[in-house]
Protein backbone atom coordinates (compact mmCIF):
# COMPACT_ATOMS: atom_id res chain seq x y z
CA MET A 1 -0.14 0.01 -0.04
CA GLU A 2 2.71 2.27 0.75
CA ARG A 3 4.35 1.59 -2.66
CA ARG A 4 1.38 2.45 -4.37
CA ALA A 5 0.81 5.59 -2.58
CA GLY A 6 4.22 6.54 -3.48
CA LEU A 7 3.72 5.84 -6.92
CA ALA A 8 0.49 7.72 -7.06
CA GLN A 9 2.30 10.65 -5.44
CA LYS A 10 5.18 10.44 -8.09
CA SER A 11 2.52 10.28 -10.98
CA ALA A 12 1.23 13.50 -9.55
CA TRP A 13 4.57 15.47 -10.24
CA PRO A 14 5.03 18.00 -11.50
CA ASP A 15 1.82 20.07 -10.13
CA PRO A 16 -0.11 21.28 -13.13
CA ALA A 17 -1.03 24.38 -11.09
CA ARG A 18 2.66 25.18 -10.15
CA LEU A 19 3.57 24.63 -13.84
CA LYS A 20 1.11 27.02 -14.98
CA ASN A 21 2.05 29.62 -12.42
CA SER A 22 5.88 29.31 -13.51
CA ARG A 23 4.90 29.53 -17.27
CA ALA A 24 2.89 32.74 -16.53
CA GLU A 25 5.93 34.11 -14.57
CA LEU A 26 8.39 33.09 -17.51
CA LEU A 27 6.03 34.84 -19.93
CA TRP A 28 5.89 38.04 -17.78
CA LEU A 29 9.79 38.18 -17.35
CA ALA A 30 10.08 37.66 -21.20
CA CYS A 31 7.63 40.63 -21.91
CA ALA A 32 9.90 42.65 -19.28
CA PHE A 33 13.01 42.02 -20.96
CA ALA A 34 11.49 42.72 -24.34
CA CYS A 35 10.39 46.10 -23.07
CA VAL A 36 14.04 46.61 -21.93
CA ALA A 37 15.20 45.75 -25.58
CA CYS A 38 12.81 48.27 -26.90
CA GLY A 39 13.88 51.00 -24.46
CA LEU A 40 17.47 50.39 -25.49
CA TRP A 41 16.40 50.71 -29.09
CA LEU A 42 14.59 54.00 -28.40
CA ARG A 43 17.59 55.50 -26.65
CA MET A 44 20.40 54.44 -29.18
CA HIS A 45 19.09 54.62 -32.70
CA GLU A 46 19.97 57.45 -34.69
CA LEU A 47 21.79 59.23 -32.28
CA TRP A 48 23.49 61.55 -34.92
CA ARG A 49 19.73 63.04 -35.50
CA PRO A 50 19.52 65.90 -35.40
CA PRO A 51 22.85 66.92 -36.81
CA PHE A 52 22.39 70.36 -34.97
CA TYR A 53 22.38 71.45 -31.42
CA ALA A 54 19.15 70.18 -29.42
CA PHE A 55 18.07 72.52 -26.60
CA ASP A 56 20.94 73.37 -24.30
CA GLU A 57 23.66 71.24 -26.08
CA HIS A 58 25.68 74.09 -27.25
CA HIS A 59 26.46 74.93 -23.58
CA PHE A 60 28.25 71.54 -23.04
CA VAL A 61 29.40 70.40 -26.52
CA ASP A 62 31.22 73.68 -27.29
CA ASN A 63 32.78 73.30 -23.75
CA ALA A 64 33.62 69.57 -24.18
CA ARG A 65 35.26 70.65 -27.66
CA ASN A 66 37.30 73.48 -25.48
CA TYR A 67 38.69 70.54 -23.29
CA LEU A 68 39.92 68.77 -26.50
CA LEU A 69 41.49 71.97 -27.84
CA GLY A 70 42.89 72.95 -24.51
CA SER A 71 40.80 76.17 -24.35
CA ALA A 72 39.25 77.64 -21.51
CA ASP A 73 35.84 76.15 -20.25
CA GLY A 74 33.25 78.96 -19.74
CA ASN A 75 30.44 76.81 -18.50
CA ASP A 76 29.14 77.20 -14.95
CA HIS A 77 29.03 73.52 -14.11
CA PRO A 78 31.68 71.23 -12.78
CA PRO A 79 33.79 69.68 -15.61
CA LEU A 80 32.89 65.98 -15.33
CA GLY A 81 29.64 65.70 -17.64
CA LYS A 82 31.70 67.68 -20.24
CA LEU A 83 34.68 65.65 -20.04
CA LEU A 84 32.44 62.63 -20.68
CA ILE A 85 30.95 64.18 -23.65
CA ALA A 86 34.32 65.08 -24.88
CA LEU A 87 35.43 61.47 -24.40
CA GLY A 88 32.49 60.52 -26.78
CA MET A 89 33.43 62.77 -29.30
CA GLU A 90 37.04 61.72 -29.22
CA LEU A 91 35.94 58.11 -29.81
CA PHE A 92 33.01 58.57 -32.16
CA GLY A 93 33.88 62.10 -33.92
CA ASP A 94 32.76 65.54 -33.39
CA THR A 95 29.18 64.64 -34.62
CA GLY A 96 25.85 64.30 -33.11
CA ALA A 97 26.39 60.63 -32.23
CA GLY A 98 29.82 61.54 -30.72
CA TRP A 99 28.02 64.20 -28.52
CA ARG A 100 25.34 62.01 -27.31
CA SER A 101 27.01 58.69 -26.80
CA ALA A 102 27.96 59.34 -23.14
CA PRO A 103 24.30 60.36 -22.11
CA ALA A 104 22.88 57.46 -24.22
CA LEU A 105 25.23 54.90 -22.13
CA PHE A 106 24.33 56.45 -18.97
CA GLY A 107 20.53 56.22 -19.81
CA ALA A 108 20.96 52.67 -20.83
CA ALA A 109 22.69 51.98 -17.42
CA SER A 110 19.89 53.56 -15.56
CA ILE A 111 17.54 50.91 -16.67
CA ALA A 112 19.80 48.16 -14.82
CA LEU A 113 20.24 50.49 -11.86
CA ALA A 114 16.74 51.12 -11.36
CA ALA A 115 16.14 47.38 -11.35
CA LEU A 116 18.95 46.95 -8.67
CA LEU A 117 17.62 49.60 -6.55
CA ALA A 118 14.22 48.00 -6.69
CA ALA A 119 15.49 44.56 -5.83
CA ARG A 120 17.38 45.96 -2.76
CA LEU A 121 14.49 48.06 -1.44
CA PHE A 122 11.71 45.49 -2.09
CA PRO A 123 13.27 42.07 -2.22
CA ALA A 124 10.14 40.04 -1.54
CA GLY A 125 8.33 40.57 -5.01
CA PRO A 126 9.10 41.17 -8.74
CA ALA A 127 9.59 45.00 -7.92
CA TRP A 128 12.74 44.81 -9.97
CA ALA A 129 10.96 43.58 -13.16
CA PHE A 130 8.39 46.46 -13.02
CA ALA A 131 11.17 48.89 -12.57
CA LEU A 132 12.77 47.39 -15.71
CA VAL A 133 9.67 47.97 -17.61
CA PHE A 134 8.71 51.36 -16.43
CA VAL A 135 12.33 52.98 -16.68
CA SER A 136 12.84 51.42 -20.05
CA LEU A 137 9.71 53.01 -21.49
CA ASP A 138 9.31 56.24 -19.89
CA GLY A 139 9.84 59.35 -22.13
CA PHE A 140 11.60 61.47 -19.44
CA ALA A 141 14.24 59.04 -19.19
CA ILE A 142 14.46 58.21 -23.05
CA GLY A 143 14.51 61.75 -24.09
CA TYR A 144 17.57 62.80 -21.72
CA SER A 145 19.41 59.73 -23.11
CA ARG A 146 19.21 61.29 -26.54
CA VAL A 147 20.88 64.78 -25.95
CA ALA A 148 24.09 65.75 -24.91
CA LEU A 149 22.99 67.30 -21.65
CA LEU A 150 24.09 66.52 -18.17
CA ASP A 151 20.94 65.54 -16.36
CA GLY A 152 20.62 61.94 -17.58
CA MET A 153 24.12 61.23 -16.38
CA LEU A 154 23.54 62.67 -12.98
CA ALA A 155 20.52 60.73 -12.55
CA SER A 156 22.15 57.60 -13.30
CA LEU A 157 24.80 58.27 -10.85
CA VAL A 158 22.30 58.95 -8.28
CA LEU A 159 20.63 55.48 -8.80
CA LEU A 160 23.98 53.96 -8.28
CA CYS A 161 24.79 55.86 -5.33
CA LEU A 162 21.50 54.81 -3.72
CA VAL A 163 22.18 51.07 -4.56
CA LEU A 164 25.64 51.30 -3.06
CA LEU A 165 24.11 53.11 0.09
CA LEU A 166 21.83 49.98 0.59
CA GLY A 167 24.88 47.60 0.61
CA LYS A 168 25.75 45.90 3.82
CA SER A 169 29.58 46.21 3.67
CA ARG A 170 32.05 48.93 4.48
CA ALA A 171 33.33 48.80 0.74
CA SER A 172 29.79 49.61 -0.51
CA LEU A 173 29.64 52.59 1.70
CA ALA A 174 33.09 53.79 0.32
CA ALA A 175 31.92 53.29 -3.10
CA ALA A 176 28.87 55.23 -2.57
CA GLY A 177 30.90 58.09 -1.28
CA VAL A 178 33.17 58.00 -4.60
CA VAL A 179 29.98 57.81 -6.67
CA GLY A 180 28.40 60.80 -4.80
CA GLY A 181 31.56 62.65 -5.63
CA LEU A 182 31.16 61.90 -9.32
CA ALA A 183 27.56 63.04 -9.06
CA LEU A 184 28.82 66.25 -7.59
CA SER A 185 31.38 66.56 -10.26
CA ILE A 186 28.43 66.49 -12.82
CA LYS A 187 26.28 68.99 -11.15
CA LEU A 188 26.62 70.72 -7.83
CA SER A 189 23.27 69.70 -6.87
CA GLY A 190 24.60 66.03 -6.46
CA VAL A 191 25.67 67.10 -3.18
CA CYS A 192 22.08 66.10 -2.06
CA TYR A 193 23.09 62.46 -1.86
CA LEU A 194 24.51 63.34 1.63
CA VAL A 195 20.68 63.21 2.73
CA PRO A 196 20.06 59.68 1.82
CA LEU A 197 23.75 58.71 3.11
CA ALA A 198 22.52 60.14 6.49
CA GLY A 199 19.31 58.29 6.32
CA ALA A 200 20.94 54.82 5.38
CA LEU A 201 23.30 55.33 8.19
CA LEU A 202 20.51 55.75 10.63
CA LEU A 203 18.55 52.72 9.22
CA ARG A 204 21.54 50.53 9.25
CA PRO A 205 22.15 48.39 12.47
CA GLY A 206 25.68 48.39 14.23
CA SER A 207 28.09 50.97 15.21
CA GLY A 208 30.46 53.19 13.25
CA ARG A 209 27.60 55.53 11.72
CA LEU A 210 29.25 58.81 12.66
CA ARG A 211 32.54 57.66 11.22
CA TRP A 212 31.08 57.01 7.87
CA LEU A 213 29.06 60.33 7.95
CA LEU A 214 32.52 61.98 8.03
CA LEU A 215 34.42 59.42 5.65
CA ALA A 216 31.91 59.20 2.80
CA PRO A 217 31.91 63.28 2.20
CA ALA A 218 35.64 63.23 2.56
CA LEU A 219 35.82 60.82 -0.26
CA SER A 220 33.31 62.51 -2.24
CA SER A 221 35.48 65.72 -1.69
CA LEU A 222 38.49 64.02 -3.09
CA VAL A 223 36.88 62.68 -6.13
CA TYR A 224 35.44 66.16 -6.83
CA TYR A 225 38.66 67.77 -6.39
CA ALA A 226 40.35 65.21 -8.78
CA CYS A 227 37.61 65.60 -11.49
CA TYR A 228 37.74 69.46 -11.29
CA ALA A 229 41.64 69.55 -11.24
CA LEU A 230 41.65 67.43 -14.24
CA GLY A 231 39.47 69.88 -16.13
CA LEU A 232 41.57 72.87 -15.01
CA TRP A 233 44.72 70.85 -16.15
CA LEU A 234 43.51 70.07 -19.53
CA VAL A 235 42.89 73.97 -20.31
CA HIS A 236 46.40 74.86 -18.79
CA GLU A 237 44.87 76.59 -15.68
CA ALA A 238 46.06 76.31 -12.05
CA TRP A 239 44.62 72.94 -10.54
CA THR A 240 45.50 73.36 -6.69
CA PRO A 241 42.93 72.93 -4.09
CA ALA A 242 42.62 76.83 -3.73
CA SER A 243 41.92 77.10 -7.33
CA VAL A 244 39.30 74.46 -7.30
CA TRP A 245 37.62 76.01 -4.29
CA GLN A 246 37.71 79.30 -5.92
CA ASP A 247 36.07 78.16 -9.16
CA THR A 248 33.38 76.26 -7.11
CA LEU A 249 32.59 79.60 -5.04
CA LEU A 250 32.19 81.52 -8.15
CA SER A 251 29.98 78.86 -9.66
CA LEU A 252 27.72 78.70 -6.41
CA GLN A 253 27.70 82.63 -6.48
CA HIS A 254 26.44 82.58 -10.23
CA HIS A 255 23.79 79.87 -9.64
CA ALA A 256 22.43 81.92 -6.67
CA SER A 257 22.14 84.98 -8.90
CA LEU A 258 19.84 83.28 -11.27
CA THR A 259 16.34 84.03 -9.60
CA ASP A 260 14.38 86.02 -12.03
CA MET A 261 12.57 83.03 -13.61
CA GLN A 262 12.13 84.92 -16.80
CA ASN A 263 13.38 82.09 -19.17
CA PRO A 264 10.42 80.69 -20.96
CA ALA A 265 11.66 77.06 -20.18
CA THR A 266 11.60 77.78 -16.53
CA SER A 267 9.00 76.01 -14.10
CA SER A 268 8.30 75.88 -10.40
CA TRP A 269 8.97 72.73 -8.58
CA TYR A 270 5.27 72.05 -7.53
CA THR A 271 4.16 72.27 -11.25
CA TRP A 272 6.53 69.10 -11.94
CA PHE A 273 3.96 66.88 -10.15
CA ILE A 274 1.28 67.42 -12.80
CA PRO A 275 3.55 68.22 -15.34
CA SER A 276 2.68 71.48 -17.07
CA LYS A 277 5.70 72.43 -18.77
CA PRO A 278 7.76 69.78 -20.49
CA ILE A 279 10.36 70.95 -22.84
CA THR A 280 10.63 70.29 -26.54
CA LEU A 281 14.32 69.04 -26.71
CA TRP A 282 14.32 69.26 -30.61
CA ARG A 283 11.82 69.36 -33.60
CA LEU A 284 12.62 68.89 -37.28
CA VAL A 285 9.86 69.25 -39.88
CA GLU A 286 10.68 67.18 -43.29
CA ASP A 287 8.82 66.87 -46.40
CA SER A 288 5.62 64.98 -45.10
CA SER A 289 6.73 64.07 -41.71
CA VAL A 290 7.76 65.71 -38.38
CA ARG A 291 10.46 64.39 -36.02
CA SER A 292 10.77 65.53 -32.49
CA VAL A 293 12.00 64.58 -28.94
CA THR A 294 10.11 65.82 -25.82
CA SER A 295 10.97 65.52 -22.04
CA ARG A 296 7.25 64.69 -21.34
CA GLY A 297 7.12 61.35 -19.35
CA ASN A 298 4.55 58.80 -19.71
CA PRO A 299 1.41 60.46 -18.41
CA LEU A 300 -0.11 57.32 -16.75
CA LEU A 301 3.03 56.51 -14.92
CA TRP A 302 3.63 60.20 -14.05
CA TRP A 303 0.40 60.34 -12.39
CA PHE A 304 1.21 57.10 -10.45
CA CYS A 305 4.38 58.60 -9.41
CA SER A 306 2.95 61.92 -8.08
CA SER A 307 0.13 60.30 -6.27
CA SER A 308 2.24 57.67 -4.71
CA VAL A 309 4.80 59.96 -3.46
CA LEU A 310 2.32 62.62 -2.16
CA GLY A 311 0.04 60.08 -0.64
CA LEU A 312 2.83 57.86 0.98
CA SER A 313 4.60 60.91 2.47
CA GLY A 314 1.28 62.10 4.04
CA VAL A 315 0.44 58.88 5.43
CA LEU A 316 3.94 58.44 6.84
CA LEU A 317 4.00 61.56 8.44
CA TRP A 318 0.51 60.96 9.87
CA ARG A 319 1.43 57.56 11.50
CA GLY A 320 4.92 58.98 12.43
CA VAL A 321 8.47 58.03 11.29
CA GLY A 322 9.78 57.26 14.65
CA PRO A 323 8.11 53.70 15.13
CA VAL A 324 9.50 52.84 11.65
CA LEU A 325 13.07 53.74 12.63
CA ARG A 326 13.00 51.67 15.85
CA ALA A 327 11.83 48.54 14.26
CA PRO A 328 14.29 46.85 11.82
CA GLY A 329 11.87 44.41 10.47
CA ALA A 330 8.61 46.74 10.45
CA VAL A 331 6.14 46.47 7.55
CA PHE A 332 4.36 49.59 6.32
CA GLN A 333 0.58 48.14 5.75
CA LEU A 334 -1.41 50.30 3.27
CA GLY A 335 -4.69 48.30 2.76
CA PRO A 336 -3.61 44.96 1.34
CA LEU A 337 -0.34 46.11 0.46
CA ALA A 338 2.83 45.62 2.65
CA LEU A 339 5.98 47.34 1.97
CA PRO A 340 9.21 47.12 4.01
CA ALA A 341 8.83 50.35 6.44
CA ARG A 342 12.62 51.23 6.23
CA ALA A 343 12.73 50.88 2.47
CA LEU A 344 9.74 53.03 2.14
CA VAL A 345 11.30 55.83 4.33
CA PHE A 346 14.75 55.58 2.35
CA SER A 347 13.20 56.19 -1.03
CA LEU A 348 11.04 58.93 0.06
CA LEU A 349 13.92 60.52 1.76
CA ALA A 350 15.99 60.17 -1.50
CA TYR A 351 13.13 61.72 -3.41
CA TRP A 352 12.65 64.60 -1.48
CA ALA A 353 16.44 65.24 -0.83
CA PHE A 354 16.99 65.77 -4.64
CA LEU A 355 13.72 67.91 -4.84
CA ALA A 356 14.99 70.20 -1.85
CA PRO A 357 17.13 72.58 -3.60
CA TRP A 358 14.41 73.99 -5.72
CA ILE A 359 11.91 73.97 -2.79
CA LEU A 360 14.47 75.92 -0.47
CA THR A 361 15.98 78.17 -2.80
CA ARG A 362 14.81 80.95 -5.23
CA ARG A 363 17.34 79.58 -8.06
CA ASP A 364 15.59 79.17 -11.42
CA SER A 365 14.26 75.86 -11.80
CA TYR A 366 13.69 73.70 -15.03
CA TYR A 367 11.68 70.55 -15.68
CA TYR A 368 14.74 68.54 -15.98
CA HIS A 369 16.02 69.17 -12.33
CA TYR A 370 13.12 66.70 -11.63
CA LEU A 371 14.84 63.79 -13.27
CA PRO A 372 16.56 62.20 -10.40
CA SER A 373 13.74 62.48 -7.92
CA TYR A 374 11.26 61.14 -10.76
CA LEU A 375 13.43 57.78 -11.23
CA VAL A 376 13.51 57.41 -7.54
CA ALA A 377 9.60 57.65 -7.64
CA ILE A 378 9.48 55.18 -10.45
CA VAL A 379 11.28 52.68 -8.38
CA LEU A 380 8.75 53.40 -5.55
CA VAL A 381 5.99 52.90 -7.79
CA ALA A 382 7.60 49.47 -8.92
CA GLY A 383 7.75 48.37 -5.29
CA LEU A 384 3.97 49.05 -4.89
CA CYS A 385 3.31 46.98 -8.24
CA GLY A 386 5.51 44.32 -6.91
CA ALA A 387 3.46 44.32 -3.48
CA LEU A 388 0.12 44.31 -5.56
CA TYR A 389 1.64 41.38 -7.76
CA GLN A 390 1.80 39.22 -4.74
CA ARG A 391 -1.83 39.76 -3.72
CA ARG A 392 -3.63 40.73 -7.14
CA ARG A 393 -1.57 39.34 -9.93
CA ARG A 394 -3.87 40.26 -12.77
CA TRP A 395 -4.28 43.92 -11.52
CA ALA A 396 -0.50 44.50 -11.35
CA LEU A 397 0.11 43.08 -14.94
CA ALA A 398 -2.88 45.18 -16.18
CA LEU A 399 -1.40 48.04 -14.68
CA ALA A 400 2.03 47.28 -16.39
CA GLY A 401 0.27 46.65 -19.62
CA ALA A 402 -1.62 50.08 -19.42
CA VAL A 403 1.83 51.77 -19.03
CA VAL A 404 3.32 49.85 -21.94
CA ALA A 405 0.29 50.77 -24.14
CA VAL A 406 0.57 54.43 -23.36
CA SER A 407 4.33 54.39 -24.00
CA ALA A 408 3.81 52.72 -27.29
CA TRP A 409 1.54 55.64 -28.40
CA TYR A 410 4.09 58.33 -27.03
CA SER A 411 7.35 56.60 -28.21
CA PRO A 412 7.77 58.45 -31.55
CA ARG A 413 7.71 61.71 -29.56
CA TRP A 414 10.48 60.52 -27.35
CA ALA A 415 12.69 59.17 -29.75
CA GLY A 416 12.56 61.13 -32.84
CA LEU A 417 10.61 58.76 -35.08
CA PRO A 418 8.83 60.09 -38.02
CA ARG A 419 5.20 61.03 -37.63
CA SER A 420 2.91 62.54 -40.18
CA ALA A 421 3.10 66.17 -40.13
CA PRO A 422 -0.10 68.21 -39.56
CA VAL A 423 -1.31 70.54 -42.22
CA ALA A 424 -0.68 73.54 -39.83
CA PRO A 425 1.43 72.45 -37.01
CA LYS A 426 0.74 74.30 -33.72
CA VAL A 427 3.91 75.56 -31.89
CA SER A 428 3.64 76.86 -28.37
CA ALA A 429 5.30 80.17 -27.47
CA LEU A 430 7.81 78.22 -25.51
CA ASP A 431 8.74 75.80 -28.16
CA ARG A 432 8.98 78.81 -30.72
CA CYS A 433 11.52 80.42 -28.46
CA LEU A 434 13.53 77.31 -28.02
CA LEU A 435 13.58 76.50 -31.51
CA ASP A 436 14.51 80.11 -32.54
CA SER A 437 17.47 79.98 -30.07
């Protein structure tokens, strides 16, 4: 009898229900990686187009060319972003493709980095797969991967820094300090990584927190000096610590003076939640078609990000942050969804940290300043979708499918693909000013 029971049990293997679920999950993962392939293609194809400067590219391409020629850099940002653009020009030529190769590679890397961040923040579910899909097919990330500007590279380094801050080893914290210095060497707003650094140390068990709160910024300062000194050396200027400090102070003073908000491309930080003022990076009307690249993100995903960040921030403040910090394994319950409480606090802290410069100062702000915070918000939404997947799988997949469908509709406007030209194309006052410039 025991043998017959064993045979019956053996004949029932494998479980059809389990096989069905595994096949569905494999199909879902295959679709996710197909979205990644589409996202990479949208970022990389025809980078040479347009052959002229897009939006603010002249600020950075001209100065990247100056580095190659040994001429003075007249730009008011640290040198690393322009040095990376110059490296692409050296490797691929002084053409549109050469200008944009470095931002495109950083944009491709941001897909994997967002997935890694989601996996570290929300390891219990498939949040990483949702992050792959959402970042691959969002127009804000795609648009700034296709132009020789600094913001896509800054956002990618921010994601890498956050991934390293969540590591468990001292080497990971040291690497986070190095990457934070690289972000600071792209744009001075990269210094905001110090806020999630402090948050990660507070949430980390064990001793030595104060030591790393000093060591990581020290490493960042060394990296910042090395990058800045390299830029000064290339243009035959003094590259001593005093020279770097003086240049940094002049840059800070210049940025602090930009407070009139008169440029038609400026927009206040609170409008980025909607969004109301995306920027057309370039537009080209051909015989019977029009090509353009806009920084407008996926509208559906954008609204999910805004509502999730604002809602979760409000609920967290209402319930209190203190209990979350005192309980290492605490779970934040939001209806049927359960999120790791410390992961939620860390992601919201990172989001608001990179938004803080535009909230706390009167410095002219632009739509693209929101990109680092927006990518963190996408990772948070991916975490919510991963939690929903565990409770209501079809709902989570339907949500992801809706995001993909909206991206498919908007993708020609994000990647410069040809579209039928309207009989009388309407160009807003902002776009007309940008195109004329």
